[in-house]
Amino acid sequence: MQVTELKKLSEGKYVLYTDYEPYSVVYTSDIRRLKLIVGEEVDTAVLDNFRKEYLYKRAMNRAVGCIKCADKCEAELRKKLKEYYCDQDIIDATMNKLKEYGYIDDLRYSRAYIRSRINKKGINVISYELIAKGVPGDIIDEAISQSDIPDEKGTIMRVLERRYDVHDCLEKRDRIIAFFLRKGFKYRDIKLCIDEYTGV
């Protein structure tokens, strides 16, 4: 196996390329320890040992660091580790361990995501957002079934009362309808609520 490039990411941090393929992120100390020199061969057994001893731990630390500030779904964490040049085996092992510890749980994540947005957006838009994050559809469906979804007409009415006076609703009706449609509410519900609110 040949070291074909050590691409600098930041001070003391590089991407190691072997046989023209990215292998992993390495630090200056790793380069010295492994005697990595561009254009020269590196022992496969030495790299395998390095992978077992260091790369899995680093992937775990990176994943835990990502979820310290905010909960993440599994797909988001997988993407982060891929960006860190972790290979599939290390990513899978890291995900399995995080699930075992209860650090990632897409169902819990989806329920919390729904709960934090349901009073501002329609459930359809929230579902699309979760799909875009990589949460599987069956988990989203289960999270919805376990969540307390308020009547969407009630949500529309609360937003209308908080954001607009009756004069605004009459004058900016089309813009207000477009606003609610972007939030994922049904046209029929929006129209009924605006008519009720304005007394039309």
C-alpha atoms as a PDB file:
ATOM      1  CA  MET A   1       0.000   0.000   0.000  1.00  0.00           C
ATOM      2  CA  GLN A   2       1.462   3.340  -1.052  1.00  0.00           C
ATOM      3  CA  VAL A   3       1.048   6.733   0.646  1.00  0.00           C
ATOM      4  CA  THR A   4      -0.062   8.853  -2.302  1.00  0.00           C
ATOM      5  CA  GLU A   5      -0.985  12.100  -0.513  1.00  0.00           C
ATOM      6  CA  LEU A   6      -1.131  13.800   2.873  1.00  0.00           C
ATOM      7  CA  LYS A   7      -3.666  16.562   2.291  1.00  0.00           C
ATOM      8  CA  LYS A   8      -3.595  19.283   4.954  1.00  0.00           C
ATOM      9  CA  LEU A   9      -6.959  20.046   6.548  1.00  0.00           C
ATOM     10  CA  SER A  10      -5.777  22.361   9.315  1.00  0.00           C
ATOM     11  CA  GLU A  11      -2.745  22.861  11.552  1.00  0.00           C
ATOM     12  CA  GLY A  12      -1.493  19.389  12.460  1.00  0.00           C
ATOM     13  CA  LYS A  13      -4.389  17.556  10.746  1.00  0.00           C
ATOM     14  CA  TYR A  14      -4.235  15.783   7.369  1.00  0.00           C
ATOM     15  CA  VAL A  15      -6.194  13.373   5.191  1.00  0.00           C
ATOM     16  CA  LEU A  16      -4.117  10.305   4.445  1.00  0.00           C
ATOM     17  CA  TYR A  17      -4.516   8.926   0.918  1.00  0.00           C
ATOM     18  CA  THR A  18      -3.306   5.418   0.192  1.00  0.00           C
ATOM     19  CA  ASP A  19      -3.287   4.173  -3.397  1.00  0.00           C
ATOM     20  CA  TYR A  20      -5.076   7.427  -4.353  1.00  0.00           C
ATOM     21  CA  GLU A  21      -8.053   6.748  -2.052  1.00  0.00           C
ATOM     22  CA  PRO A  22      -8.769   8.637   1.211  1.00  0.00           C
ATOM     23  CA  TYR A  23      -7.916   6.383   4.158  1.00  0.00           C
ATOM     24  CA  SER A  24      -8.538   8.525   7.250  1.00  0.00           C
ATOM     25  CA  VAL A  25      -7.775  11.749   9.043  1.00  0.00           C
ATOM     26  CA  VAL A  26      -4.350  11.627  10.676  1.00  0.00           C
ATOM     27  CA  TYR A  27      -2.439  13.982  12.937  1.00  0.00           C
ATOM     28  CA  THR A  28       1.215  15.013  12.850  1.00  0.00           C
ATOM     29  CA  SER A  29       1.949  12.534  15.667  1.00  0.00           C
ATOM     30  CA  ASP A  30       0.333   9.725  13.597  1.00  0.00           C
ATOM     31  CA  ILE A  31       2.474  10.619  10.583  1.00  0.00           C
ATOM     32  CA  ARG A  32       5.614  10.352  12.717  1.00  0.00           C
ATOM     33  CA  ARG A  33       4.507   7.165  14.492  1.00  0.00           C
ATOM     34  CA  LEU A  34       3.521   5.393  11.276  1.00  0.00           C
ATOM     35  CA  LYS A  35       6.483   6.828   9.322  1.00  0.00           C
ATOM     36  CA  LEU A  36       4.190   8.041   6.549  1.00  0.00           C
ATOM     37  CA  ILE A  37       6.074   9.490   3.586  1.00  0.00           C
ATOM     38  CA  VAL A  38       4.335  10.434   0.345  1.00  0.00           C
ATOM     39  CA  GLY A  39       5.431   8.124  -2.447  1.00  0.00           C
ATOM     40  CA  GLU A  40       6.609   5.354  -0.129  1.00  0.00           C
ATOM     41  CA  GLU A  41       4.986   2.089   0.870  1.00  0.00           C
ATOM     42  CA  VAL A  42       3.331   1.593   4.240  1.00  0.00           C
ATOM     43  CA  ASP A  43       2.784  -1.816   5.800  1.00  0.00           C
ATOM     44  CA  THR A  44      -0.890  -2.851   5.601  1.00  0.00           C
ATOM     45  CA  ALA A  45      -0.630  -4.602   8.988  1.00  0.00           C
ATOM     46  CA  VAL A  46       0.655  -1.379  10.571  1.00  0.00           C
ATOM     47  CA  LEU A  47      -2.299   0.585   9.165  1.00  0.00           C
ATOM     48  CA  ASP A  48      -4.777  -2.097  10.244  1.00  0.00           C
ATOM     49  CA  ASN A  49      -3.400  -1.955  13.779  1.00  0.00           C
ATOM     50  CA  PHE A  50      -3.627   1.861  13.751  1.00  0.00           C
ATOM     51  CA  ARG A  51      -7.219   1.609  12.534  1.00  0.00           C
ATOM     52  CA  LYS A  52      -8.179  -0.740  15.381  1.00  0.00           C
ATOM     53  CA  GLU A  53      -6.344   1.169  18.097  1.00  0.00           C
ATOM     54  CA  TYR A  54      -7.121   4.779  17.155  1.00  0.00           C
ATOM     55  CA  LEU A  55      -9.657   5.347  14.393  1.00  0.00           C
ATOM     56  CA  TYR A  56     -12.654   3.736  16.110  1.00  0.00           C
ATOM     57  CA  LYS A  57     -12.020   5.730  19.315  1.00  0.00           C
ATOM     58  CA  ARG A  58     -11.694   8.953  17.336  1.00  0.00           C
ATOM     59  CA  ALA A  59     -14.908   8.251  15.434  1.00  0.00           C
ATOM     60  CA  MET A  60     -16.697   7.633  18.719  1.00  0.00           C
ATOM     61  CA  ASN A  61     -15.317  10.854  20.237  1.00  0.00           C
ATOM     62  CA  ARG A  62     -16.326  12.830  17.157  1.00  0.00           C
ATOM     63  CA  ALA A  63     -19.853  11.381  17.160  1.00  0.00           C
ATOM     64  CA  VAL A  64     -20.319  12.061  20.888  1.00  0.00           C
ATOM     65  CA  GLY A  65     -19.006  15.603  20.349  1.00  0.00           C
ATOM     66  CA  CYS A  66     -21.621  16.143  17.615  1.00  0.00           C
ATOM     67  CA  ILE A  67     -24.527  15.118  19.852  1.00  0.00           C
ATOM     68  CA  LYS A  68     -23.360  16.983  22.968  1.00  0.00           C
ATOM     69  CA  CYS A  69     -24.941  20.284  21.918  1.00  0.00           C
ATOM     70  CA  ALA A  70     -27.951  19.002  19.981  1.00  0.00           C
ATOM     71  CA  ASP A  71     -29.628  15.658  19.379  1.00  0.00           C
ATOM     72  CA  LYS A  72     -28.983  14.172  15.936  1.00  0.00           C
ATOM     73  CA  CYS A  73     -30.559  11.393  13.933  1.00  0.00           C
ATOM     74  CA  GLU A  74     -28.483   8.435  12.790  1.00  0.00           C
ATOM     75  CA  ALA A  75     -28.204   9.615   9.163  1.00  0.00           C
ATOM     76  CA  GLU A  76     -26.829  13.010  10.254  1.00  0.00           C
ATOM     77  CA  LEU A  77     -24.157  11.348  12.388  1.00  0.00           C
ATOM     78  CA  ARG A  78     -23.242   8.934   9.614  1.00  0.00           C
ATOM     79  CA  LYS A  79     -22.786  11.900   7.274  1.00  0.00           C
ATOM     80  CA  LYS A  80     -20.561  13.702   9.798  1.00  0.00           C
ATOM     81  CA  LEU A  81     -18.336  10.644  10.209  1.00  0.00           C
ATOM     82  CA  LYS A  82     -18.169  10.168   6.434  1.00  0.00           C
ATOM     83  CA  GLU A  83     -17.002  13.789   6.128  1.00  0.00           C
ATOM     84  CA  TYR A  84     -14.301  12.875   8.661  1.00  0.00           C
ATOM     85  CA  TYR A  85     -13.131  10.129   6.253  1.00  0.00           C
ATOM     86  CA  CYS A  86     -14.221   7.244   8.463  1.00  0.00           C
ATOM     87  CA  ASP A  87     -14.763   4.005   6.561  1.00  0.00           C
ATOM     88  CA  GLN A  88     -18.068   2.117   6.577  1.00  0.00           C
ATOM     89  CA  ASP A  89     -16.997  -0.532   9.114  1.00  0.00           C
ATOM     90  CA  ILE A  90     -15.938   2.110  11.637  1.00  0.00           C
ATOM     91  CA  ILE A  91     -19.133   4.126  11.048  1.00  0.00           C
ATOM     92  CA  ASP A  92     -21.295   1.012  11.532  1.00  0.00           C
ATOM     93  CA  ALA A  93     -19.436  -0.026  14.699  1.00  0.00           C
ATOM     94  CA  THR A  94     -19.736   3.525  16.088  1.00  0.00           C
ATOM     95  CA  MET A  95     -23.479   3.696  15.356  1.00  0.00           C
ATOM     96  CA  ASN A  96     -24.074   0.304  16.970  1.00  0.00           C
ATOM     97  CA  LYS A  97     -22.262   1.359  20.131  1.00  0.00           C
ATOM     98  CA  LEU A  98     -24.097   4.703  20.302  1.00  0.00           C
ATOM     99  CA  LYS A  99     -27.433   2.899  19.941  1.00  0.00           C
ATOM    100  CA  GLU A 100     -26.423   0.452  22.653  1.00  0.00           C
ATOM    101  CA  TYR A 101     -25.676   3.382  24.991  1.00  0.00           C
ATOM    102  CA  GLY A 102     -28.932   5.089  24.018  1.00  0.00           C
ATOM    103  CA  TYR A 103     -27.147   8.126  22.580  1.00  0.00           C
ATOM    104  CA  ILE A 104     -28.968   7.881  19.261  1.00  0.00           C
ATOM    105  CA  ASP A 105     -32.550   6.843  18.791  1.00  0.00           C
ATOM    106  CA  ASP A 106     -34.332   8.027  15.638  1.00  0.00           C
ATOM    107  CA  LEU A 107     -37.780   7.463  17.164  1.00  0.00           C
ATOM    108  CA  ARG A 108     -36.968   9.624  20.196  1.00  0.00           C
ATOM    109  CA  TYR A 109     -35.343  12.216  17.924  1.00  0.00           C
ATOM    110  CA  SER A 110     -38.428  12.315  15.649  1.00  0.00           C
ATOM    111  CA  ARG A 111     -40.866  12.703  18.555  1.00  0.00           C
ATOM    112  CA  ALA A 112     -38.817  15.605  19.951  1.00  0.00           C
ATOM    113  CA  TYR A 113     -38.557  17.196  16.500  1.00  0.00           C
ATOM    114  CA  ILE A 114     -42.330  16.981  16.006  1.00  0.00           C
ATOM    115  CA  ARG A 115     -43.016  18.323  19.511  1.00  0.00           C
ATOM    116  CA  SER A 116     -40.768  21.365  18.994  1.00  0.00           C
ATOM    117  CA  ARG A 117     -42.375  22.371  15.678  1.00  0.00           C
ATOM    118  CA  ILE A 118     -45.988  21.195  15.710  1.00  0.00           C
ATOM    119  CA  ASN A 119     -47.342  24.516  17.008  1.00  0.00           C
ATOM    120  CA  LYS A 120     -45.824  26.402  14.055  1.00  0.00           C
ATOM    121  CA  LYS A 121     -45.938  23.985  11.120  1.00  0.00           C
ATOM    122  CA  GLY A 122     -48.215  21.384   9.587  1.00  0.00           C
ATOM    123  CA  ILE A 123     -47.372  17.736  10.148  1.00  0.00           C
ATOM    124  CA  ASN A 124     -46.758  17.184   6.413  1.00  0.00           C
ATOM    125  CA  VAL A 125     -43.922  19.728   6.302  1.00  0.00           C
ATOM    126  CA  ILE A 126     -42.440  18.339   9.517  1.00  0.00           C
ATOM    127  CA  SER A 127     -42.512  14.842   7.973  1.00  0.00           C
ATOM    128  CA  TYR A 128     -40.724  16.098   4.837  1.00  0.00           C
ATOM    129  CA  GLU A 129     -38.089  17.783   7.004  1.00  0.00           C
ATOM    130  CA  LEU A 130     -37.444  14.522   8.871  1.00  0.00           C
ATOM    131  CA  ILE A 131     -37.228  12.604   5.582  1.00  0.00           C
ATOM    132  CA  ALA A 132     -34.694  15.185   4.328  1.00  0.00           C
ATOM    133  CA  LYS A 133     -32.619  14.534   7.457  1.00  0.00           C
ATOM    134  CA  GLY A 134     -32.554  10.835   6.586  1.00  0.00           C
ATOM    135  CA  VAL A 135     -35.035   9.469   9.136  1.00  0.00           C
ATOM    136  CA  PRO A 136     -36.787   6.364   7.715  1.00  0.00           C
ATOM    137  CA  GLY A 137     -40.471   6.771   6.848  1.00  0.00           C
ATOM    138  CA  ASP A 138     -41.695   3.980   9.140  1.00  0.00           C
ATOM    139  CA  ILE A 139     -39.997   5.656  12.123  1.00  0.00           C
ATOM    140  CA  ILE A 140     -41.573   9.012  11.213  1.00  0.00           C
ATOM    141  CA  ASP A 141     -45.014   7.355  10.990  1.00  0.00           C
ATOM    142  CA  GLU A 142     -44.517   5.733  14.398  1.00  0.00           C
ATOM    143  CA  ALA A 143     -43.362   9.042  15.919  1.00  0.00           C
ATOM    144  CA  ILE A 144     -46.451  10.792  14.540  1.00  0.00           C
ATOM    145  CA  SER A 145     -48.730   8.077  15.941  1.00  0.00           C
ATOM    146  CA  GLN A 146     -47.089   8.495  19.373  1.00  0.00           C
ATOM    147  CA  SER A 147     -47.228  12.302  19.331  1.00  0.00           C
ATOM    148  CA  ASP A 148     -49.967  14.612  20.510  1.00  0.00           C
ATOM    149  CA  ILE A 149     -50.828  16.305  17.204  1.00  0.00           C
ATOM    150  CA  PRO A 150     -53.105  19.298  17.788  1.00  0.00           C
ATOM    151  CA  ASP A 151     -55.965  20.179  15.466  1.00  0.00           C
ATOM    152  CA  GLU A 152     -54.259  22.090  12.649  1.00  0.00           C
ATOM    153  CA  LYS A 153     -57.113  24.587  12.392  1.00  0.00           C
ATOM    154  CA  GLY A 154     -56.494  25.477  16.032  1.00  0.00           C
ATOM    155  CA  THR A 155     -52.792  26.033  15.279  1.00  0.00           C
ATOM    156  CA  ILE A 156     -53.617  28.251  12.275  1.00  0.00           C
ATOM    157  CA  MET A 157     -56.036  30.294  14.375  1.00  0.00           C
ATOM    158  CA  ARG A 158     -53.477  30.775  17.164  1.00  0.00           C
ATOM    159  CA  VAL A 159     -50.843  31.968  14.676  1.00  0.00           C
ATOM    160  CA  LEU A 160     -53.362  34.317  13.020  1.00  0.00           C
ATOM    161  CA  GLU A 161     -54.322  35.849  16.362  1.00  0.00           C
ATOM    162  CA  ARG A 162     -50.708  36.252  17.398  1.00  0.00           C
ATOM    163  CA  ARG A 163     -49.314  37.638  14.132  1.00  0.00           C
ATOM    164  CA  TYR A 164     -52.096  39.477  12.327  1.00  0.00           C
ATOM    165  CA  ASP A 165     -54.960  41.806  13.070  1.00  0.00           C
ATOM    166  CA  VAL A 166     -58.224  41.537  11.136  1.00  0.00           C
ATOM    167  CA  HIS A 167     -57.301  44.452   8.851  1.00  0.00           C
ATOM    168  CA  ASP A 168     -54.024  42.715   7.873  1.00  0.00           C
ATOM    169  CA  CYS A 169     -55.890  39.502   7.107  1.00  0.00           C
ATOM    170  CA  LEU A 170     -58.260  41.295   4.784  1.00  0.00           C
ATOM    171  CA  GLU A 171     -55.543  43.334   3.094  1.00  0.00           C
ATOM    172  CA  LYS A 172     -52.830  40.657   2.820  1.00  0.00           C
ATOM    173  CA  ARG A 173     -55.017  37.590   2.487  1.00  0.00           C
ATOM    174  CA  ASP A 174     -53.116  35.981  -0.421  1.00  0.00           C
ATOM    175  CA  ARG A 175     -49.722  36.490   1.240  1.00  0.00           C
ATOM    176  CA  ILE A 176     -51.003  35.053   4.517  1.00  0.00           C
ATOM    177  CA  ILE A 177     -52.435  32.013   2.712  1.00  0.00           C
ATOM    178  CA  ALA A 178     -49.073  31.507   0.970  1.00  0.00           C
ATOM    179  CA  PHE A 179     -47.297  31.767   4.351  1.00  0.00           C
ATOM    180  CA  PHE A 180     -49.442  28.986   5.852  1.00  0.00           C
ATOM    181  CA  LEU A 181     -49.140  26.813   2.735  1.00  0.00           C
ATOM    182  CA  ARG A 182     -45.332  27.005   3.038  1.00  0.00           C
ATOM    183  CA  LYS A 183     -45.697  25.861   6.637  1.00  0.00           C
ATOM    184  CA  GLY A 184     -47.511  22.757   5.414  1.00  0.00           C
ATOM    185  CA  PHE A 185     -51.104  23.553   6.339  1.00  0.00           C
ATOM    186  CA  LYS A 186     -54.003  22.566   4.065  1.00  0.00           C
ATOM    187  CA  TYR A 187     -55.516  25.288   1.870  1.00  0.00           C
ATOM    188  CA  ARG A 188     -59.068  24.442   2.957  1.00  0.00           C
ATOM    189  CA  ASP A 189     -58.171  24.765   6.666  1.00  0.00           C
ATOM    190  CA  ILE A 190     -56.324  28.049   6.075  1.00  0.00           C
ATOM    191  CA  LYS A 191     -59.243  29.555   4.156  1.00  0.00           C
ATOM    192  CA  LEU A 192     -61.783  28.461   6.772  1.00  0.00           C
ATOM    193  CA  CYS A 193     -59.701  29.953   9.596  1.00  0.00           C
ATOM    194  CA  ILE A 194     -59.118  33.271   7.813  1.00  0.00           C
ATOM    195  CA  ASP A 195     -62.827  33.523   6.971  1.00  0.00           C
ATOM    196  CA  GLU A 196     -63.734  32.808  10.592  1.00  0.00           C
ATOM    197  CA  TYR A 197     -61.112  35.233  11.940  1.00  0.00           C
ATOM    198  CA  THR A 198     -62.149  38.090   9.651  1.00  0.00           C
ATOM    199  CA  GLY A 199     -65.858  37.357   9.836  1.00  0.00           C
ATOM    200  CA  VAL A 200     -66.144  37.159   6.039  1.00  0.00           C
END
